[in-house]
Amino acid sequence: MTDKTYLLKADEDWDWRDLRNFVENSYKKHETAYIPSPEREAAIFKAFMKRWPDGKAVKIARYACKDGVWWGRPVTPLNFRKDFDSEFAEPIDKLMER
């Protein structure tokens, strides 16, 4: 498992590394097959946090990772890419607004 110091921070205080570590811990916990790519993940999570500011990126990740599956597919860093927003982040954001 990766570093879990993010657990001591408020959602709004997480950086992209905290988000990456949270997602990594989740897919490992759920025994999801995924080959890490540090450079790709850095770009994905930095961009995701810019698109979903003020702790919203963390809330989306927490929601998606609680079961480790979203729409029948395992949650991995690839779900956090911009081209997945319409089927991943946006629907989760709407569900959380209810």
PDB file of N, CA and C in Angstrom:
ATOM      1  N   MET A   1       0.841  -1.186   0.000  1.00  0.00           N
ATOM      2  CA  MET A   1       0.000   0.000   0.000  1.00  0.00           C
ATOM      3  C   MET A   1       0.886   1.250   0.000  1.00  0.00           C
ATOM      4  N   THR A   2       0.365   2.282  -0.596  1.00  0.00           N
ATOM      5  CA  THR A   2       1.114   3.536  -0.660  1.00  0.00           C
ATOM      6  C   THR A   2       0.831   4.394   0.556  1.00  0.00           C
ATOM      7  N   ASP A   3       1.513   5.497   0.620  1.00  0.00           N
ATOM      8  CA  ASP A   3       1.396   6.465   1.706  1.00  0.00           C
ATOM      9  C   ASP A   3      -0.064   6.840   1.959  1.00  0.00           C
ATOM     10  N   LYS A   4      -0.456   6.926   3.228  1.00  0.00           N
ATOM     11  CA  LYS A   4      -1.838   7.270   3.580  1.00  0.00           C
ATOM     12  C   LYS A   4      -1.921   8.553   4.411  1.00  0.00           C
ATOM     13  N   THR A   5      -0.922   9.420   4.329  1.00  0.00           N
ATOM     14  CA  THR A   5      -0.970  10.659   5.111  1.00  0.00           C
ATOM     15  C   THR A   5      -2.117  11.560   4.678  1.00  0.00           C
ATOM     16  N   TYR A   6      -2.653  11.346   3.478  1.00  0.00           N
ATOM     17  CA  TYR A   6      -3.797  12.126   3.012  1.00  0.00           C
ATOM     18  C   TYR A   6      -4.991  11.978   3.942  1.00  0.00           C
ATOM     19  N   LEU A   7      -5.057  10.874   4.673  1.00  0.00           N
ATOM     20  CA  LEU A   7      -6.181  10.646   5.585  1.00  0.00           C
ATOM     21  C   LEU A   7      -6.234  11.687   6.701  1.00  0.00           C
ATOM     22  N   LEU A   8      -5.115  12.331   6.957  1.00  0.00           N
ATOM     23  CA  LEU A   8      -5.057  13.342   8.013  1.00  0.00           C
ATOM     24  C   LEU A   8      -5.422  14.737   7.506  1.00  0.00           C
ATOM     25  N   LYS A   9      -5.669  14.878   6.202  1.00  0.00           N
ATOM     26  CA  LYS A   9      -5.937  16.185   5.601  1.00  0.00           C
ATOM     27  C   LYS A   9      -7.420  16.350   5.268  1.00  0.00           C
ATOM     28  N   ALA A  10      -7.851  17.594   5.251  1.00  0.00           N
ATOM     29  CA  ALA A  10      -9.185  17.905   4.730  1.00  0.00           C
ATOM     30  C   ALA A  10      -9.163  17.681   3.220  1.00  0.00           C
ATOM     31  N   ASP A  11     -10.312  17.328   2.653  1.00  0.00           N
ATOM     32  CA  ASP A  11     -10.382  17.076   1.211  1.00  0.00           C
ATOM     33  C   ASP A  11      -9.803  18.226   0.399  1.00  0.00           C
ATOM     34  N   GLU A  12     -10.066  19.451   0.812  1.00  0.00           N
ATOM     35  CA  GLU A  12      -9.614  20.635   0.081  1.00  0.00           C
ATOM     36  C   GLU A  12      -8.097  20.809   0.111  1.00  0.00           C
ATOM     37  N   ASP A  13      -7.431  20.114   1.042  1.00  0.00           N
ATOM     38  CA  ASP A  13      -5.982  20.239   1.189  1.00  0.00           C
ATOM     39  C   ASP A  13      -5.192  19.148   0.465  1.00  0.00           C
ATOM     40  N   TRP A  14      -5.887  18.211  -0.157  1.00  0.00           N
ATOM     41  CA  TRP A  14      -5.185  17.155  -0.889  1.00  0.00           C
ATOM     42  C   TRP A  14      -4.512  17.749  -2.116  1.00  0.00           C
ATOM     43  N   ASP A  15      -3.374  17.166  -2.487  1.00  0.00           N
ATOM     44  CA  ASP A  15      -2.759  17.514  -3.773  1.00  0.00           C
ATOM     45  C   ASP A  15      -2.913  16.307  -4.694  1.00  0.00           C
ATOM     46  N   TRP A  16      -2.371  16.405  -5.885  1.00  0.00           N
ATOM     47  CA  TRP A  16      -2.562  15.320  -6.852  1.00  0.00           C
ATOM     48  C   TRP A  16      -1.942  14.015  -6.376  1.00  0.00           C
ATOM     49  N   ARG A  17      -0.863  14.095  -5.602  1.00  0.00           N
ATOM     50  CA  ARG A  17      -0.223  12.882  -5.091  1.00  0.00           C
ATOM     51  C   ARG A  17      -1.123  12.163  -4.091  1.00  0.00           C
ATOM     52  N   ASP A  18      -1.799  12.950  -3.246  1.00  0.00           N
ATOM     53  CA  ASP A  18      -2.730  12.357  -2.288  1.00  0.00           C
ATOM     54  C   ASP A  18      -3.861  11.633  -3.021  1.00  0.00           C
ATOM     55  N   LEU A  19      -4.370  12.268  -4.058  1.00  0.00           N
ATOM     56  CA  LEU A  19      -5.445  11.665  -4.837  1.00  0.00           C
ATOM     57  C   LEU A  19      -4.957  10.384  -5.511  1.00  0.00           C
ATOM     58  N   ARG A  20      -3.782  10.437  -6.098  1.00  0.00           N
ATOM     59  CA  ARG A  20      -3.197   9.249  -6.726  1.00  0.00           C
ATOM     60  C   ARG A  20      -3.030   8.122  -5.714  1.00  0.00           C
ATOM     61  N   ASN A  21      -2.503   8.447  -4.537  1.00  0.00           N
ATOM     62  CA  ASN A  21      -2.287   7.425  -3.513  1.00  0.00           C
ATOM     63  C   ASN A  21      -3.609   6.816  -3.049  1.00  0.00           C
ATOM     64  N   PHE A  22      -4.628   7.646  -2.898  1.00  0.00           N
ATOM     65  CA  PHE A  22      -5.944   7.149  -2.493  1.00  0.00           C
ATOM     66  C   PHE A  22      -6.487   6.162  -3.530  1.00  0.00           C
ATOM     67  N   VAL A  23      -6.430   6.553  -4.791  1.00  0.00           N
ATOM     68  CA  VAL A  23      -6.939   5.682  -5.861  1.00  0.00           C
ATOM     69  C   VAL A  23      -6.098   4.411  -5.948  1.00  0.00           C
ATOM     70  N   GLU A  24      -4.790   4.539  -5.814  1.00  0.00           N
ATOM     71  CA  GLU A  24      -3.915   3.364  -5.844  1.00  0.00           C
ATOM     72  C   GLU A  24      -4.240   2.408  -4.704  1.00  0.00           C
ATOM     73  N   ASN A  25      -4.420   2.934  -3.511  1.00  0.00           N
ATOM     74  CA  ASN A  25      -4.780   2.081  -2.381  1.00  0.00           C
ATOM     75  C   ASN A  25      -6.109   1.379  -2.632  1.00  0.00           C
ATOM     76  N   SER A  26      -7.028   2.076  -3.263  1.00  0.00           N
ATOM     77  CA  SER A  26      -8.334   1.493  -3.544  1.00  0.00           C
ATOM     78  C   SER A  26      -8.239   0.349  -4.543  1.00  0.00           C
ATOM     79  N   TYR A  27      -7.565   0.579  -5.671  1.00  0.00           N
ATOM     80  CA  TYR A  27      -7.535  -0.513  -6.650  1.00  0.00           C
ATOM     81  C   TYR A  27      -6.713  -1.700  -6.161  1.00  0.00           C
ATOM     82  N   LYS A  28      -5.745  -1.453  -5.307  1.00  0.00           N
ATOM     83  CA  LYS A  28      -4.999  -2.571  -4.731  1.00  0.00           C
ATOM     84  C   LYS A  28      -5.875  -3.336  -3.731  1.00  0.00           C
ATOM     85  N   LYS A  29      -6.633  -2.591  -2.940  1.00  0.00           N
ATOM     86  CA  LYS A  29      -7.528  -3.209  -1.959  1.00  0.00           C
ATOM     87  C   LYS A  29      -8.568  -4.092  -2.652  1.00  0.00           C
ATOM     88  N   HIS A  30      -9.056  -3.628  -3.784  1.00  0.00           N
ATOM     89  CA  HIS A  30     -10.069  -4.379  -4.529  1.00  0.00           C
ATOM     90  C   HIS A  30      -9.451  -5.374  -5.509  1.00  0.00           C
ATOM     91  N   GLU A  31      -8.123  -5.528  -5.438  1.00  0.00           N
ATOM     92  CA  GLU A  31      -7.377  -6.491  -6.250  1.00  0.00           C
ATOM     93  C   GLU A  31      -7.628  -6.305  -7.753  1.00  0.00           C
ATOM     94  N   THR A  32      -7.626  -5.052  -8.170  1.00  0.00           N
ATOM     95  CA  THR A  32      -7.808  -4.716  -9.580  1.00  0.00           C
ATOM     96  C   THR A  32      -6.478  -4.785 -10.307  1.00  0.00           C
ATOM     97  N   ALA A  33      -6.487  -5.441 -11.453  1.00  0.00           N
ATOM     98  CA  ALA A  33      -5.278  -5.510 -12.272  1.00  0.00           C
ATOM     99  C   ALA A  33      -5.061  -4.164 -12.955  1.00  0.00           C
ATOM    100  N   TYR A  34      -3.912  -3.584 -12.741  1.00  0.00           N
ATOM    101  CA  TYR A  34      -3.577  -2.297 -13.341  1.00  0.00           C
ATOM    102  C   TYR A  34      -2.062  -2.151 -13.317  1.00  0.00           C
ATOM    103  N   ILE A  35      -1.490  -1.732 -14.441  1.00  0.00           N
ATOM    104  CA  ILE A  35      -0.044  -1.515 -14.517  1.00  0.00           C
ATOM    105  C   ILE A  35       0.224  -0.020 -14.330  1.00  0.00           C
ATOM    106  N   PRO A  36       0.851   0.369 -13.222  1.00  0.00           N
ATOM    107  CA  PRO A  36       1.109   1.786 -12.958  1.00  0.00           C
ATOM    108  C   PRO A  36       2.032   2.427 -13.999  1.00  0.00           C
ATOM    109  N   SER A  37       1.781   3.709 -14.211  1.00  0.00           N
ATOM    110  CA  SER A  37       2.626   4.523 -15.088  1.00  0.00           C
ATOM    111  C   SER A  37       2.751   5.889 -14.424  1.00  0.00           C
ATOM    112  N   PRO A  38       3.806   6.096 -13.629  1.00  0.00           N
ATOM    113  CA  PRO A  38       3.925   7.313 -12.830  1.00  0.00           C
ATOM    114  C   PRO A  38       3.768   8.624 -13.608  1.00  0.00           C
ATOM    115  N   GLU A  39       4.379   8.733 -14.776  1.00  0.00           N
ATOM    116  CA  GLU A  39       4.277   9.983 -15.542  1.00  0.00           C
ATOM    117  C   GLU A  39       2.843  10.218 -16.016  1.00  0.00           C
ATOM    118  N   ARG A  40       2.213   9.169 -16.534  1.00  0.00           N
ATOM    119  CA  ARG A  40       0.832   9.283 -17.003  1.00  0.00           C
ATOM    120  C   ARG A  40      -0.100   9.625 -15.839  1.00  0.00           C
ATOM    121  N   GLU A  41       0.080   8.968 -14.704  1.00  0.00           N
ATOM    122  CA  GLU A  41      -0.783   9.221 -13.553  1.00  0.00           C
ATOM    123  C   GLU A  41      -0.609  10.639 -13.022  1.00  0.00           C
ATOM    124  N   ALA A  42       0.598  11.135 -13.007  1.00  0.00           N
ATOM    125  CA  ALA A  42       0.811  12.520 -12.563  1.00  0.00           C
ATOM    126  C   ALA A  42       0.010  13.470 -13.439  1.00  0.00           C
ATOM    127  N   ALA A  43       0.082  13.296 -14.743  1.00  0.00           N
ATOM    128  CA  ALA A  43      -0.663  14.170 -15.659  1.00  0.00           C
ATOM    129  C   ALA A  43      -2.160  14.024 -15.460  1.00  0.00           C
ATOM    130  N   ILE A  44      -2.640  12.791 -15.309  1.00  0.00           N
ATOM    131  CA  ILE A  44      -4.076  12.540 -15.131  1.00  0.00           C
ATOM    132  C   ILE A  44      -4.585  13.214 -13.871  1.00  0.00           C
ATOM    133  N   PHE A  45      -3.926  12.994 -12.742  1.00  0.00           N
ATOM    134  CA  PHE A  45      -4.436  13.511 -11.470  1.00  0.00           C
ATOM    135  C   PHE A  45      -4.247  15.023 -11.324  1.00  0.00           C
ATOM    136  N   LYS A  46      -3.187  15.571 -11.872  1.00  0.00           N
ATOM    137  CA  LYS A  46      -3.033  17.034 -11.861  1.00  0.00           C
ATOM    138  C   LYS A  46      -4.174  17.683 -12.634  1.00  0.00           C
ATOM    139  N   ALA A  47      -4.470  17.143 -13.803  1.00  0.00           N
ATOM    140  CA  ALA A  47      -5.541  17.702 -14.637  1.00  0.00           C
ATOM    141  C   ALA A  47      -6.908  17.504 -13.987  1.00  0.00           C
ATOM    142  N   PHE A  48      -7.136  16.342 -13.381  1.00  0.00           N
ATOM    143  CA  PHE A  48      -8.427  16.072 -12.739  1.00  0.00           C
ATOM    144  C   PHE A  48      -8.679  17.062 -11.606  1.00  0.00           C
ATOM    145  N   MET A  49      -7.665  17.327 -10.832  1.00  0.00           N
ATOM    146  CA  MET A  49      -7.832  18.266  -9.714  1.00  0.00           C
ATOM    147  C   MET A  49      -8.072  19.696 -10.211  1.00  0.00           C
ATOM    148  N   LYS A  50      -7.536  20.047 -11.352  1.00  0.00           N
ATOM    149  CA  LYS A  50      -7.812  21.374 -11.925  1.00  0.00           C
ATOM    150  C   LYS A  50      -9.243  21.455 -12.433  1.00  0.00           C
ATOM    151  N   ARG A  51      -9.742  20.359 -13.022  1.00  0.00           N
ATOM    152  CA  ARG A  51     -11.111  20.354 -13.542  1.00  0.00           C
ATOM    153  C   ARG A  51     -12.149  20.281 -12.434  1.00  0.00           C
ATOM    154  N   TRP A  52     -11.800  19.696 -11.300  1.00  0.00           N
ATOM    155  CA  TRP A  52     -12.723  19.495 -10.179  1.00  0.00           C
ATOM    156  C   TRP A  52     -12.089  20.066  -8.908  1.00  0.00           C
ATOM    157  N   PRO A  53     -12.069  21.395  -8.771  1.00  0.00           N
ATOM    158  CA  PRO A  53     -11.376  22.037  -7.640  1.00  0.00           C
ATOM    159  C   PRO A  53     -12.177  22.009  -6.332  1.00  0.00           C
ATOM    160  N   ASP A  54     -11.580  22.611  -5.312  1.00  0.00           N
ATOM    161  CA  ASP A  54     -12.218  22.825  -4.007  1.00  0.00           C
ATOM    162  C   ASP A  54     -12.662  21.535  -3.326  1.00  0.00           C
ATOM    163  N   GLY A  55     -11.854  20.494  -3.460  1.00  0.00           N
ATOM    164  CA  GLY A  55     -12.154  19.233  -2.796  1.00  0.00           C
ATOM    165  C   GLY A  55     -13.122  18.341  -3.552  1.00  0.00           C
ATOM    166  N   LYS A  56     -13.676  18.830  -4.657  1.00  0.00           N
ATOM    167  CA  LYS A  56     -14.648  18.030  -5.404  1.00  0.00           C
ATOM    168  C   LYS A  56     -13.992  16.799  -6.026  1.00  0.00           C
ATOM    169  N   ALA A  57     -12.749  16.922  -6.475  1.00  0.00           N
ATOM    170  CA  ALA A  57     -12.033  15.775  -7.044  1.00  0.00           C
ATOM    171  C   ALA A  57     -11.930  14.650  -6.018  1.00  0.00           C
ATOM    172  N   VAL A  58     -11.654  15.008  -4.777  1.00  0.00           N
ATOM    173  CA  VAL A  58     -11.521  14.015  -3.713  1.00  0.00           C
ATOM    174  C   VAL A  58     -12.865  13.366  -3.420  1.00  0.00           C
ATOM    175  N   LYS A  59     -13.922  14.156  -3.367  1.00  0.00           N
ATOM    176  CA  LYS A  59     -15.255  13.615  -3.104  1.00  0.00           C
ATOM    177  C   LYS A  59     -15.682  12.644  -4.206  1.00  0.00           C
ATOM    178  N   ILE A  60     -15.381  12.988  -5.449  1.00  0.00           N
ATOM    179  CA  ILE A  60     -15.693  12.095  -6.571  1.00  0.00           C
ATOM    180  C   ILE A  60     -14.908  10.788  -6.425  1.00  0.00           C
ATOM    181  N   ALA A  61     -13.628  10.895  -6.104  1.00  0.00           N
ATOM    182  CA  ALA A  61     -12.799   9.698  -5.940  1.00  0.00           C
ATOM    183  C   ALA A  61     -13.296   8.836  -4.790  1.00  0.00           C
ATOM    184  N   ARG A  62     -13.645   9.453  -3.673  1.00  0.00           N
ATOM    185  CA  ARG A  62     -14.159   8.685  -2.528  1.00  0.00           C
ATOM    186  C   ARG A  62     -15.420   7.916  -2.921  1.00  0.00           C
ATOM    187  N   TYR A  63     -16.317   8.586  -3.625  1.00  0.00           N
ATOM    188  CA  TYR A  63     -17.565   7.961  -4.047  1.00  0.00           C
ATOM    189  C   TYR A  63     -17.278   6.790  -4.986  1.00  0.00           C
ATOM    190  N   ALA A  64     -16.436   7.017  -5.975  1.00  0.00           N
ATOM    191  CA  ALA A  64     -16.146   5.990  -6.984  1.00  0.00           C
ATOM    192  C   ALA A  64     -15.386   4.806  -6.412  1.00  0.00           C
ATOM    193  N   CYS A  65     -14.527   5.064  -5.447  1.00  0.00           N
ATOM    194  CA  CYS A  65     -13.648   4.013  -4.948  1.00  0.00           C
ATOM    195  C   CYS A  65     -14.223   3.209  -3.791  1.00  0.00           C
ATOM    196  N   LYS A  66     -15.370   3.615  -3.273  1.00  0.00           N
ATOM    197  CA  LYS A  66     -15.862   2.891  -2.102  1.00  0.00           C
ATOM    198  C   LYS A  66     -16.125   1.418  -2.403  1.00  0.00           C
ATOM    199  N   ASP A  67     -16.617   1.114  -3.613  1.00  0.00           N
ATOM    200  CA  ASP A  67     -16.808  -0.282  -4.005  1.00  0.00           C
ATOM    201  C   ASP A  67     -15.751  -0.743  -5.001  1.00  0.00           C
ATOM    202  N   GLY A  68     -14.971   0.184  -5.529  1.00  0.00           N
ATOM    203  CA  GLY A  68     -13.922  -0.149  -6.482  1.00  0.00           C
ATOM    204  C   GLY A  68     -14.421  -0.416  -7.890  1.00  0.00           C
ATOM    205  N   VAL A  69     -15.726  -0.187  -8.113  1.00  0.00           N
ATOM    206  CA  VAL A  69     -16.314  -0.447  -9.423  1.00  0.00           C
ATOM    207  C   VAL A  69     -17.257   0.694  -9.765  1.00  0.00           C
ATOM    208  N   TRP A  70     -17.195   1.135 -11.020  1.00  0.00           N
ATOM    209  CA  TRP A  70     -18.123   2.154 -11.503  1.00  0.00           C
ATOM    210  C   TRP A  70     -18.684   1.675 -12.840  1.00  0.00           C
ATOM    211  N   TRP A  71     -19.985   1.568 -12.934  1.00  0.00           N
ATOM    212  CA  TRP A  71     -20.682   1.088 -14.138  1.00  0.00           C
ATOM    213  C   TRP A  71     -20.137  -0.257 -14.601  1.00  0.00           C
ATOM    214  N   GLY A  72     -19.880  -1.137 -13.639  1.00  0.00           N
ATOM    215  CA  GLY A  72     -19.450  -2.490 -13.955  1.00  0.00           C
ATOM    216  C   GLY A  72     -17.983  -2.650 -14.298  1.00  0.00           C
ATOM    217  N   ARG A  73     -17.223  -1.557 -14.200  1.00  0.00           N
ATOM    218  CA  ARG A  73     -15.787  -1.627 -14.512  1.00  0.00           C
ATOM    219  C   ARG A  73     -14.970  -1.209 -13.297  1.00  0.00           C
ATOM    220  N   PRO A  74     -13.798  -1.825 -13.117  1.00  0.00           N
ATOM    221  CA  PRO A  74     -12.945  -1.434 -11.991  1.00  0.00           C
ATOM    222  C   PRO A  74     -12.495   0.023 -12.107  1.00  0.00           C
ATOM    223  N   VAL A  75     -12.389   0.680 -10.969  1.00  0.00           N
ATOM    224  CA  VAL A  75     -11.902   2.065 -10.936  1.00  0.00           C
ATOM    225  C   VAL A  75     -10.373   2.038 -10.877  1.00  0.00           C
ATOM    226  N   THR A  76      -9.759   2.701 -11.851  1.00  0.00           N
ATOM    227  CA  THR A  76      -8.300   2.826 -11.911  1.00  0.00           C
ATOM    228  C   THR A  76      -7.983   4.293 -12.219  1.00  0.00           C
ATOM    229  N   PRO A  77      -6.731   4.675 -12.233  1.00  0.00           N
ATOM    230  CA  PRO A  77      -6.399   6.057 -12.597  1.00  0.00           C
ATOM    231  C   PRO A  77      -6.945   6.466 -13.965  1.00  0.00           C
ATOM    232  N   LEU A  78      -7.134   5.527 -14.856  1.00  0.00           N
ATOM    233  CA  LEU A  78      -7.626   5.870 -16.192  1.00  0.00           C
ATOM    234  C   LEU A  78      -9.036   6.460 -16.166  1.00  0.00           C
ATOM    235  N   ASN A  79      -9.846   6.119 -15.159  1.00  0.00           N
ATOM    236  CA  ASN A  79     -11.184   6.698 -15.032  1.00  0.00           C
ATOM    237  C   ASN A  79     -11.143   8.208 -14.819  1.00  0.00           C
ATOM    238  N   PHE A  80     -10.028   8.721 -14.365  1.00  0.00           N
ATOM    239  CA  PHE A  80      -9.921  10.132 -14.007  1.00  0.00           C
ATOM    240  C   PHE A  80      -9.448  11.002 -15.173  1.00  0.00           C
ATOM    241  N   ARG A  81      -9.297  10.404 -16.352  1.00  0.00           N
ATOM    242  CA  ARG A  81      -8.923  11.177 -17.541  1.00  0.00           C
ATOM    243  C   ARG A  81     -10.086  12.049 -17.987  1.00  0.00           C
ATOM    244  N   LYS A  82      -9.761  13.133 -18.659  1.00  0.00           N
ATOM    245  CA  LYS A  82     -10.777  14.083 -19.116  1.00  0.00           C
ATOM    246  C   LYS A  82     -11.804  13.423 -20.035  1.00  0.00           C
ATOM    247  N   ASP A  83     -11.369  12.511 -20.890  1.00  0.00           N
ATOM    248  CA  ASP A  83     -12.301  11.883 -21.814  1.00  0.00           C
ATOM    249  C   ASP A  83     -13.288  10.939 -21.126  1.00  0.00           C
ATOM    250  N   PHE A  84     -13.117  10.683 -19.836  1.00  0.00           N
ATOM    251  CA  PHE A  84     -14.070   9.888 -19.076  1.00  0.00           C
ATOM    252  C   PHE A  84     -15.007  10.749 -18.226  1.00  0.00           C
ATOM    253  N   ASP A  85     -14.809  12.052 -18.190  1.00  0.00           N
ATOM    254  CA  ASP A  85     -15.629  12.906 -17.328  1.00  0.00           C
ATOM    255  C   ASP A  85     -17.127  12.709 -17.559  1.00  0.00           C
ATOM    256  N   SER A  86     -17.555  12.596 -18.803  1.00  0.00           N
ATOM    257  CA  SER A  86     -18.995  12.512 -19.080  1.00  0.00           C
ATOM    258  C   SER A  86     -19.616  11.212 -18.578  1.00  0.00           C
ATOM    259  N   GLU A  87     -18.835  10.159 -18.438  1.00  0.00           N
ATOM    260  CA  GLU A  87     -19.398   8.908 -17.934  1.00  0.00           C
ATOM    261  C   GLU A  87     -18.879   8.528 -16.547  1.00  0.00           C
ATOM    262  N   PHE A  88     -18.039   9.359 -15.986  1.00  0.00           N
ATOM    263  CA  PHE A  88     -17.466   9.053 -14.669  1.00  0.00           C
ATOM    264  C   PHE A  88     -17.669  10.214 -13.697  1.00  0.00           C
ATOM    265  N   ALA A  89     -16.896  11.262 -13.826  1.00  0.00           N
ATOM    266  CA  ALA A  89     -16.934  12.355 -12.851  1.00  0.00           C
ATOM    267  C   ALA A  89     -18.267  13.109 -12.856  1.00  0.00           C
ATOM    268  N   GLU A  90     -18.792  13.421 -14.022  1.00  0.00           N
ATOM    269  CA  GLU A  90     -20.041  14.197 -14.088  1.00  0.00           C
ATOM    270  C   GLU A  90     -21.228  13.444 -13.475  1.00  0.00           C
ATOM    271  N   PRO A  91     -21.451  12.166 -13.811  1.00  0.00           N
ATOM    272  CA  PRO A  91     -22.561  11.462 -13.166  1.00  0.00           C
ATOM    273  C   PRO A  91     -22.388  11.315 -11.653  1.00  0.00           C
ATOM    274  N   ILE A  92     -21.159  11.089 -11.215  1.00  0.00           N
ATOM    275  CA  ILE A  92     -20.918  10.981  -9.774  1.00  0.00           C
ATOM    276  C   ILE A  92     -21.194  12.317  -9.100  1.00  0.00           C
ATOM    277  N   ASP A  93     -20.754  13.392  -9.710  1.00  0.00           N
ATOM    278  CA  ASP A  93     -21.011  14.727  -9.155  1.00  0.00           C
ATOM    279  C   ASP A  93     -22.508  14.968  -9.031  1.00  0.00           C
ATOM    280  N   LYS A  94     -23.275  14.588 -10.031  1.00  0.00           N
ATOM    281  CA  LYS A  94     -24.742  14.761  -9.980  1.00  0.00           C
ATOM    282  C   LYS A  94     -25.364  13.898  -8.893  1.00  0.00           C
ATOM    283  N   LEU A  95     -24.875  12.660  -8.734  1.00  0.00           N
ATOM    284  CA  LEU A  95     -25.389  11.789  -7.672  1.00  0.00           C
ATOM    285  C   LEU A  95     -25.120  12.381  -6.295  1.00  0.00           C
ATOM    286  N   MET A  96     -23.976  12.990  -6.130  1.00  0.00           N
ATOM    287  CA  MET A  96     -23.623  13.575  -4.830  1.00  0.00           C
ATOM    288  C   MET A  96     -24.446  14.817  -4.518  1.00  0.00           C
ATOM    289  N   GLU A  97     -24.984  15.474  -5.546  1.00  0.00           N
ATOM    290  CA  GLU A  97     -25.779  16.676  -5.334  1.00  0.00           C
ATOM    291  C   GLU A  97     -27.172  16.353  -4.789  1.00  0.00           C
ATOM    292  N   ARG A  98     -27.600  15.118  -4.937  1.00  0.00           N
ATOM    293  CA  ARG A  98     -28.949  14.724  -4.476  1.00  0.00           C
ATOM    294  C   ARG A  98     -29.068  14.778  -2.990  1.00  0.00           C
TER     295      ARG A  98
END
